Every structure is written in C-alpha cells, then in structure tokens.
C-alpha cells in the first residue's frame, strides 16, 4: 500500500504527518504542526503541509483526520474552536483520493494497540483482559473520551462527548467549584474542570490570591498554574492542581465503569505528560478507585499515561491502513 496522510486537528494546533506502511506499525516520514485557525480552513493547512513536505496528494492512498469535536456525516464542528472540518470538501480541494474523519479520541484509541512500552507510563499495573474494552481519556484544550471495543476479534473505536457531560462534585472543594461554574455557565461540564481551563476555574473558585503572580486572562495561565504547583512556589496553585488531579482520576474511573474497561485505561492529551509527578502522587489513583462497591474491580484495571505526543497521528494512520 502507498503512503497515507494523517492529521490530529485540535482546538489550538493541527499536527499533520505522512506515514509509510510497516509490518509492525505505520512509520512516520514527515510531520509538521500548524495553528488550527492560521490558514482559513483545514484544506489550506493540508495543502501547505504537502508543499512543505514535498508530497504530491495524488501519491497518497488515503488520508484520515482526527478532529476535536463530534463527527456527523463526515463533518465535524470543533467543540472549542470555530472551525469546520469536512472530509469530502478536503478531498476535493486538496485532490486526495479518500478521506476519513474521526473524532480525535477515536483516532487516539486506534494508536493504543501500536504503542510500545517506552511510549507509556504505568500508573497502575492491574491485571487487564487482553480481549477487554479499552477506555481512552485525554485532557487538553477540552476533554475527550472514547472506547476501543473488541468486536469479533477486531478492534473498533467509538467516540463519546463525555467531556461535555455534567461535572460530578465529590468533595466540599468540588462543590465550591461547581457553584462557581454554574453561576458562570448555567451548568458545570466535566471539561470546565478537567481540561486546561479547569486549572484556572479551580484556582479562581477556591483562592483569591496567587503567590506566582499569574495573569489568569492569558492563554498560558493553566500551564503557569501547573508549573508553580509542581515547583511548589504557590500554595494556592498546589491546591488547585490537587483538585484537578483528583477530578481527572474520578472522571477516568467513571469512564472505566461506563465502558467496563477491563482491557485498561489510557490517559492521553497534552496535559498528562506535563503533570506526571502529580498523576503519580496517589491522588489520581485514589479518586479513580473510589467507586464502591467496585473498588476492587477498578484496582485491577491497568492505567497508562500516553507519552508519545504523536499518538493521535499514529492512530489516524493506523486507521487508514486497517480500513
């Protein structure tokens, strides 16, 4: 089979790559990252990338893009960015033979079987069922959730929009955050808490000062909160990251229950690798497991953090070669 084009279209950035077939897993040939809103549309980004990489669209067997939003009829409206992704239009505008469009978490799920041991960090060893369902959760600009099912011996990914489901408060501090978010948005969604903006929401709901001097109107405020928390230079930031980590673990546990993820839970997205010390502190796992009467079942589910930043691309490429 000829090479394929893969894309990971996020609310902030779009990563594109060309992959060639390989017996073990698709092998990346070229990759670039672009601002999602920088070219007036995804077709413009794809055309720019192919020019940059010196690739003729007609030489590609297929293309697959993972988009951060619900995919209906081959079209996605990004959840957190006013961008429309239309598979048919991209194929026509760029001259691609075949274009598939997946939710970005579906694409990420298709990467799971191809990940090597050094591309994941084990949070909980567990005792996974090799044929069991695998759940994938990823916090970044928003919160994505998906499952990888075993259907007749074939792995099939299905997306959800669980990040927009209602936030379930578990502690007194969560209740304060819930009240503030309800006043601001009319209701509190999970991704108002478990996503980059969640760190800002949590800090502002629970604390009136910040020793780190963070400007919470800036786009990099979430990263500043987590950096100050990990450096332990600001007690309010430490507390905010603690609340965030527990909420992340609790939602991962909810997803494991909803999908019966006996095959494991994979934590992806841009945030997890950056806050790995917080995820390994024990708070994430405690919140994940605290689902009586199913605590023991959740203790047996393997939990792994995806370290490969190109996992979404790999999954989209894998889908091309599998379909």
Protein backbone atom coordinates (compact mmCIF):
# COMPACT_ATOMS: atom_id res chain seq x y z
CA UNK A 1 0.00 0.00 0.00
CA UNK A 2 1.17 3.55 -0.71
CA UNK A 3 1.81 6.16 1.94
CA UNK A 4 -1.07 7.83 3.81
CA UNK A 5 -1.73 11.24 5.30
CA UNK A 6 -2.78 11.52 8.95
CA UNK A 7 -3.95 14.54 10.91
CA UNK A 8 -4.69 15.45 14.51
CA UNK A 9 -6.89 18.57 14.44
CA UNK A 10 -7.12 20.17 17.87
CA UNK A 11 -8.68 23.30 19.22
CA UNK A 12 -5.31 25.08 19.25
CA UNK A 13 -2.94 23.25 16.92
CA UNK A 14 -3.15 20.84 14.00
CA UNK A 15 -0.48 18.18 13.54
CA UNK A 16 -0.12 16.51 10.14
CA UNK A 17 2.06 13.62 9.09
CA UNK A 18 2.79 11.30 6.19
CA UNK A 19 3.20 7.63 7.11
CA UNK A 20 4.50 4.65 5.19
CA UNK A 21 3.36 1.05 5.76
CA UNK A 22 5.41 -1.15 8.04
CA UNK A 23 4.73 -4.69 9.33
CA UNK A 24 4.96 -3.59 12.99
CA UNK A 25 3.19 -0.24 12.81
CA UNK A 26 2.91 2.78 10.47
CA UNK A 27 6.21 4.65 10.23
CA UNK A 28 6.25 8.44 10.12
CA UNK A 29 8.03 10.02 7.15
CA UNK A 30 7.34 13.73 7.69
CA UNK A 31 5.35 15.79 10.17
CA UNK A 32 4.56 19.45 10.85
CA UNK A 33 2.47 21.42 13.35
CA UNK A 34 0.29 24.43 12.42
CA UNK A 35 -2.10 26.76 14.20
CA UNK A 36 -5.62 25.42 13.62
CA UNK A 37 -7.02 28.85 12.70
CA UNK A 38 -3.99 30.14 10.77
CA UNK A 39 -4.96 29.21 7.19
CA UNK A 40 -8.68 29.92 6.96
CA UNK A 41 -9.58 26.23 6.90
CA UNK A 42 -8.19 22.72 7.22
CA UNK A 43 -7.79 22.27 3.45
CA UNK A 44 -5.43 25.24 3.47
CA UNK A 45 -3.34 23.67 6.25
CA UNK A 46 -3.19 20.33 4.43
CA UNK A 47 -2.13 21.99 1.16
CA UNK A 48 0.57 23.99 2.97
CA UNK A 49 1.85 20.84 4.69
CA UNK A 50 2.06 18.85 1.46
CA UNK A 51 4.01 21.70 -0.13
CA UNK A 52 6.32 21.91 2.90
CA UNK A 53 6.89 18.14 2.86
CA UNK A 54 7.25 17.91 -0.91
CA UNK A 55 4.46 15.36 -1.20
CA UNK A 56 2.06 15.07 -4.14
CA UNK A 57 -1.51 14.48 -2.91
CA UNK A 58 -2.05 12.06 -5.80
CA UNK A 59 0.68 9.77 -4.44
CA UNK A 60 -1.23 9.14 -1.21
CA UNK A 61 -3.50 6.13 -0.89
CA UNK A 62 -5.74 7.69 1.73
CA UNK A 63 -6.00 10.30 4.47
CA UNK A 64 -7.53 10.24 7.93
CA UNK A 65 -8.02 13.14 10.31
CA UNK A 66 -8.94 13.10 13.97
CA UNK A 67 -10.93 16.21 14.90
CA UNK A 68 -11.69 17.58 18.36
CA UNK A 69 -15.48 17.53 18.03
CA UNK A 70 -18.41 15.26 17.21
CA UNK A 71 -18.28 13.79 13.71
CA UNK A 72 -21.63 13.52 11.92
CA UNK A 73 -21.88 12.59 8.26
CA UNK A 74 -18.19 13.15 7.63
CA UNK A 75 -18.28 16.66 9.08
CA UNK A 76 -17.06 17.97 12.44
CA UNK A 77 -17.51 21.33 14.11
CA UNK A 78 -14.64 21.71 16.57
CA UNK A 79 -16.01 21.97 20.11
CA UNK A 80 -13.72 24.71 21.41
CA UNK A 81 -12.71 26.49 18.19
CA UNK A 82 -14.97 27.88 15.41
CA UNK A 83 -13.56 25.57 12.72
CA UNK A 84 -15.49 23.21 10.45
CA UNK A 85 -13.84 20.04 9.15
CA UNK A 86 -15.50 18.46 6.10
CA UNK A 87 -13.89 15.25 4.82
CA UNK A 88 -15.46 15.45 1.36
CA UNK A 89 -14.52 19.10 0.88
CA UNK A 90 -10.93 18.45 1.92
CA UNK A 91 -10.68 15.56 -0.54
CA UNK A 92 -11.97 17.76 -3.37
CA UNK A 93 -9.97 20.88 -2.51
CA UNK A 94 -6.66 19.09 -1.96
CA UNK A 95 -7.03 16.30 -4.51
CA UNK A 96 -6.91 13.36 -2.10
CA UNK A 97 -8.31 10.01 -3.23
CA UNK A 98 -10.01 9.02 0.04
CA UNK A 99 -10.51 10.97 3.27
CA UNK A 100 -11.84 9.59 6.55
CA UNK A 101 -12.80 11.76 9.51
CA UNK A 102 -12.76 10.52 13.10
CA UNK A 103 -13.23 12.16 16.44
CA UNK A 104 -9.74 12.86 17.80
CA UNK A 105 -10.21 10.39 20.66
CA UNK A 106 -11.30 7.69 18.22
CA UNK A 107 -8.04 8.28 16.37
CA UNK A 108 -6.09 8.18 19.63
CA UNK A 109 -7.77 4.89 20.55
CA UNK A 110 -6.57 3.31 17.30
CA UNK A 111 -3.00 4.08 18.38
CA UNK A 112 -3.27 2.08 21.61
CA UNK A 113 -2.54 -1.38 20.11
CA UNK A 114 0.56 0.02 18.40
CA UNK A 115 2.14 1.77 21.39
CA UNK A 116 5.41 0.38 22.73
CA UNK A 117 6.30 0.03 26.42
CA UNK A 118 8.54 3.09 26.36
CA UNK A 119 5.70 5.23 24.99
CA UNK A 120 3.54 4.83 28.09
CA UNK A 121 3.99 5.39 31.81
CA UNK A 122 2.23 2.85 34.03
CA UNK A 123 0.16 4.38 36.83
CA UNK A 124 -1.46 1.09 37.82
CA UNK A 125 -0.22 -2.30 36.66
CA UNK A 126 -3.53 -4.06 37.23
CA UNK A 127 -4.40 -7.31 35.53
CA UNK A 128 -6.02 -6.43 32.23
CA UNK A 129 -8.10 -8.63 30.00
CA UNK A 130 -6.37 -8.73 26.57
CA UNK A 131 -9.78 -9.03 24.89
CA UNK A 132 -11.46 -6.44 27.10
CA UNK A 133 -12.62 -2.94 26.22
CA UNK A 134 -10.00 -0.18 26.45
CA UNK A 135 -11.01 3.34 27.52
CA UNK A 136 -9.14 6.47 26.44
CA UNK A 137 -9.41 9.84 28.17
CA UNK A 138 -7.45 12.96 27.24
CA UNK A 139 -7.46 16.44 28.76
CA UNK A 140 -6.05 19.31 26.73
CA UNK A 141 -7.88 22.34 25.34
CA UNK A 142 -11.01 20.28 26.12
CA UNK A 143 -11.69 16.79 27.45
CA UNK A 144 -12.09 13.83 25.11
CA UNK A 145 -13.27 10.32 25.90
CA UNK A 146 -13.56 7.19 23.75
CA UNK A 147 -13.55 3.41 23.94
CA UNK A 148 -11.85 0.72 21.90
CA UNK A 149 -14.08 -2.34 21.72
CA UNK A 150 -13.26 -5.89 20.71
CA UNK A 151 -15.90 -6.85 18.14
CA UNK A 152 -15.42 -10.32 16.73
CA UNK A 153 -11.67 -10.13 17.26
CA UNK A 154 -11.39 -6.74 15.56
CA UNK A 155 -10.67 -3.56 17.47
CA UNK A 156 -13.24 -0.82 16.78
CA UNK A 157 -13.09 2.64 18.35
CA UNK A 158 -16.14 4.67 19.26
CA UNK A 159 -16.13 8.28 20.41
CA UNK A 160 -18.21 9.97 23.07
CA UNK A 161 -18.81 13.59 24.01
CA UNK A 162 -18.42 12.71 27.68
CA UNK A 163 -16.32 15.81 28.29
CA UNK A 164 -19.49 17.87 27.94
CA UNK A 165 -21.43 15.72 30.42
CA UNK A 166 -22.24 17.15 33.86
CA UNK A 167 -19.41 17.54 36.36
CA UNK A 168 -19.95 15.35 39.42
CA UNK A 169 -18.70 17.06 42.60
CA UNK A 170 -17.21 14.64 45.14
CA UNK A 171 -15.75 16.87 47.86
CA UNK A 172 -16.54 20.14 49.60
CA UNK A 173 -13.97 21.91 47.41
CA UNK A 174 -15.56 20.39 44.31
CA UNK A 175 -18.92 21.77 45.44
CA UNK A 176 -17.47 25.29 45.64
CA UNK A 177 -16.09 24.90 42.11
CA UNK A 178 -19.43 23.50 40.92
CA UNK A 179 -21.33 26.50 42.31
CA UNK A 180 -18.96 28.99 40.67
CA UNK A 181 -19.16 27.25 37.31
CA UNK A 182 -22.94 27.03 37.47
CA UNK A 183 -23.15 30.76 38.10
CA UNK A 184 -20.80 31.45 35.19
CA UNK A 185 -22.06 28.96 32.57
CA UNK A 186 -25.51 27.89 33.75
CA UNK A 187 -24.20 24.38 34.39
CA UNK A 188 -20.84 22.76 35.04
CA UNK A 189 -19.47 20.37 32.42
CA UNK A 190 -16.66 17.94 33.18
CA UNK A 191 -14.30 19.76 30.81
CA UNK A 192 -14.87 23.01 32.69
CA UNK A 193 -12.82 21.26 35.39
CA UNK A 194 -10.78 18.52 33.66
CA UNK A 195 -9.10 20.49 30.87
CA UNK A 196 -6.58 23.28 30.67
CA UNK A 197 -9.13 25.95 31.53
CA UNK A 198 -10.15 23.83 34.50
CA UNK A 199 -6.98 24.77 36.37
CA UNK A 200 -7.97 28.43 36.03
CA UNK A 201 -11.58 27.77 37.05
CA UNK A 202 -10.48 25.79 40.11
CA UNK A 203 -7.93 28.39 41.22
CA UNK A 204 -10.33 31.30 40.82
CA UNK A 205 -13.16 29.47 42.63
CA UNK A 206 -11.07 28.41 45.62
CA UNK A 207 -8.45 31.15 46.01
CA UNK A 208 -8.41 34.94 45.96
CA UNK A 209 -4.64 35.36 45.73
CA UNK A 210 -1.72 33.77 43.92
CA UNK A 211 1.90 33.97 45.00
CA UNK A 212 3.00 33.06 41.48
CA UNK A 213 1.63 36.36 40.13
CA UNK A 214 -0.25 34.63 37.32
CA UNK A 215 -2.32 36.69 34.89
CA UNK A 216 -5.40 34.49 34.58
CA UNK A 217 -6.55 36.27 31.42
CA UNK A 218 -3.60 34.89 29.47
CA UNK A 219 -3.81 31.73 27.37
CA UNK A 220 -0.80 30.26 29.18
CA UNK A 221 -2.38 30.64 32.63
CA UNK A 222 -3.16 26.90 33.03
CA UNK A 223 0.45 25.98 32.26
CA UNK A 224 1.62 28.63 34.73
CA UNK A 225 -0.60 27.20 37.47
CA UNK A 226 0.68 23.66 36.96
CA UNK A 227 4.32 24.84 36.75
CA UNK A 228 4.01 26.80 40.01
CA UNK A 229 2.28 23.84 41.63
CA UNK A 230 4.95 21.34 40.58
CA UNK A 231 7.68 23.75 41.73
CA UNK A 232 5.69 24.24 44.96
CA UNK A 233 6.19 28.01 44.83
CA UNK A 234 2.49 28.85 45.30
CA UNK A 235 0.27 27.02 47.85
CA UNK A 236 -2.90 28.05 46.00
CA UNK A 237 -1.53 26.55 42.77
CA UNK A 238 -0.56 23.35 44.60
CA UNK A 239 -4.10 23.07 45.95
CA UNK A 240 -5.62 23.78 42.54
CA UNK A 241 -3.55 21.09 40.86
CA UNK A 242 -4.53 18.65 43.64
CA UNK A 243 -8.22 19.30 42.97
CA UNK A 244 -7.64 18.98 39.22
CA UNK A 245 -5.75 15.69 39.61
CA UNK A 246 -8.46 14.17 41.79
CA UNK A 247 -11.18 15.28 39.37
CA UNK A 248 -9.21 13.77 36.47
CA UNK A 249 -8.84 10.47 38.30
CA UNK A 250 -12.53 10.42 39.28
CA UNK A 251 -13.65 11.02 35.69
CA UNK A 252 -11.27 8.35 34.40
CA UNK A 253 -12.87 5.97 36.89
CA UNK A 254 -16.34 7.00 35.71
CA UNK A 255 -15.34 6.25 32.12
CA UNK A 256 -13.92 2.87 33.15
CA UNK A 257 -17.24 1.97 34.78
CA UNK A 258 -19.36 3.23 31.86
CA UNK A 259 -17.38 1.21 29.31
CA UNK A 260 -16.36 -1.74 31.54
CA UNK A 261 -12.77 -1.06 30.53
CA UNK A 262 -11.27 -4.34 31.71
CA UNK A 263 -8.63 -4.02 28.98
CA UNK A 264 -7.22 -0.85 30.52
CA UNK A 265 -7.50 2.92 30.68
CA UNK A 266 -5.12 5.10 28.68
CA UNK A 267 -4.63 8.76 29.65
CA UNK A 268 -3.65 10.89 26.66
CA UNK A 269 -3.69 14.57 25.76
CA UNK A 270 -1.15 17.30 26.21
CA UNK A 271 -1.59 17.84 29.95
CA UNK A 272 -0.92 14.39 31.42
CA UNK A 273 2.80 14.04 30.50
CA UNK A 274 3.46 17.55 31.81
CA UNK A 275 1.94 16.85 35.24
CA UNK A 276 3.19 13.28 35.60
CA UNK A 277 4.52 13.93 39.15
CA UNK A 278 1.01 14.94 40.20
CA UNK A 279 -0.59 11.93 38.50
CA UNK A 280 1.84 9.58 40.28
CA UNK A 281 1.30 11.15 43.73
CA UNK A 282 -1.57 8.80 44.56
CA UNK A 283 -4.45 11.27 44.33
CA UNK A 284 -5.39 10.28 40.78
CA UNK A 285 -5.49 6.59 41.66
CA UNK A 286 -7.40 7.12 44.90
CA UNK A 287 -10.12 9.06 43.08
CA UNK A 288 -10.14 6.52 40.24
CA UNK A 289 -10.70 3.61 42.61
CA UNK A 290 -13.20 5.26 44.98
CA UNK A 291 -16.28 3.75 43.33
CA UNK A 292 -17.68 1.34 45.92
CA UNK A 293 -18.81 -1.41 45.53
CA UNK A 294 -16.49 -1.71 42.50
CA UNK A 295 -13.24 -0.59 44.13
CA UNK A 296 -11.57 -3.98 43.70
CA UNK A 297 -12.59 -4.21 40.05
CA UNK A 298 -11.07 -0.79 39.37
CA UNK A 299 -7.87 -1.76 41.19
CA UNK A 300 -7.38 -4.50 38.58
CA UNK A 301 -7.70 -2.19 35.56
CA UNK A 302 -4.32 -1.19 34.06
CA UNK A 303 -3.88 2.58 33.78
CA UNK A 304 -1.24 4.05 31.49
CA UNK A 305 -0.28 7.59 30.51
CA UNK A 306 0.49 8.02 26.80
CA UNK A 307 3.87 9.75 26.41
CA UNK A 308 4.04 9.76 22.60
CA UNK A 309 2.97 13.25 21.51
CA UNK A 310 2.21 11.90 18.02
CA UNK A 311 -0.12 9.14 19.23
CA UNK A 312 -3.16 10.83 17.64
CA UNK A 313 -1.36 10.92 14.30
CA UNK A 314 -0.27 7.31 14.68
CA UNK A 315 -3.85 6.24 15.38
CA UNK A 316 -5.22 8.09 12.35
CA UNK A 317 -2.55 6.47 10.17
CA UNK A 318 -3.30 3.07 11.69
CA UNK A 319 -6.96 3.52 10.82
CA UNK A 320 -6.01 4.22 7.18
CA UNK A 321 -4.04 1.01 6.91
CA UNK A 322 -6.68 -1.05 8.72
CA UNK A 323 -9.65 0.19 6.70
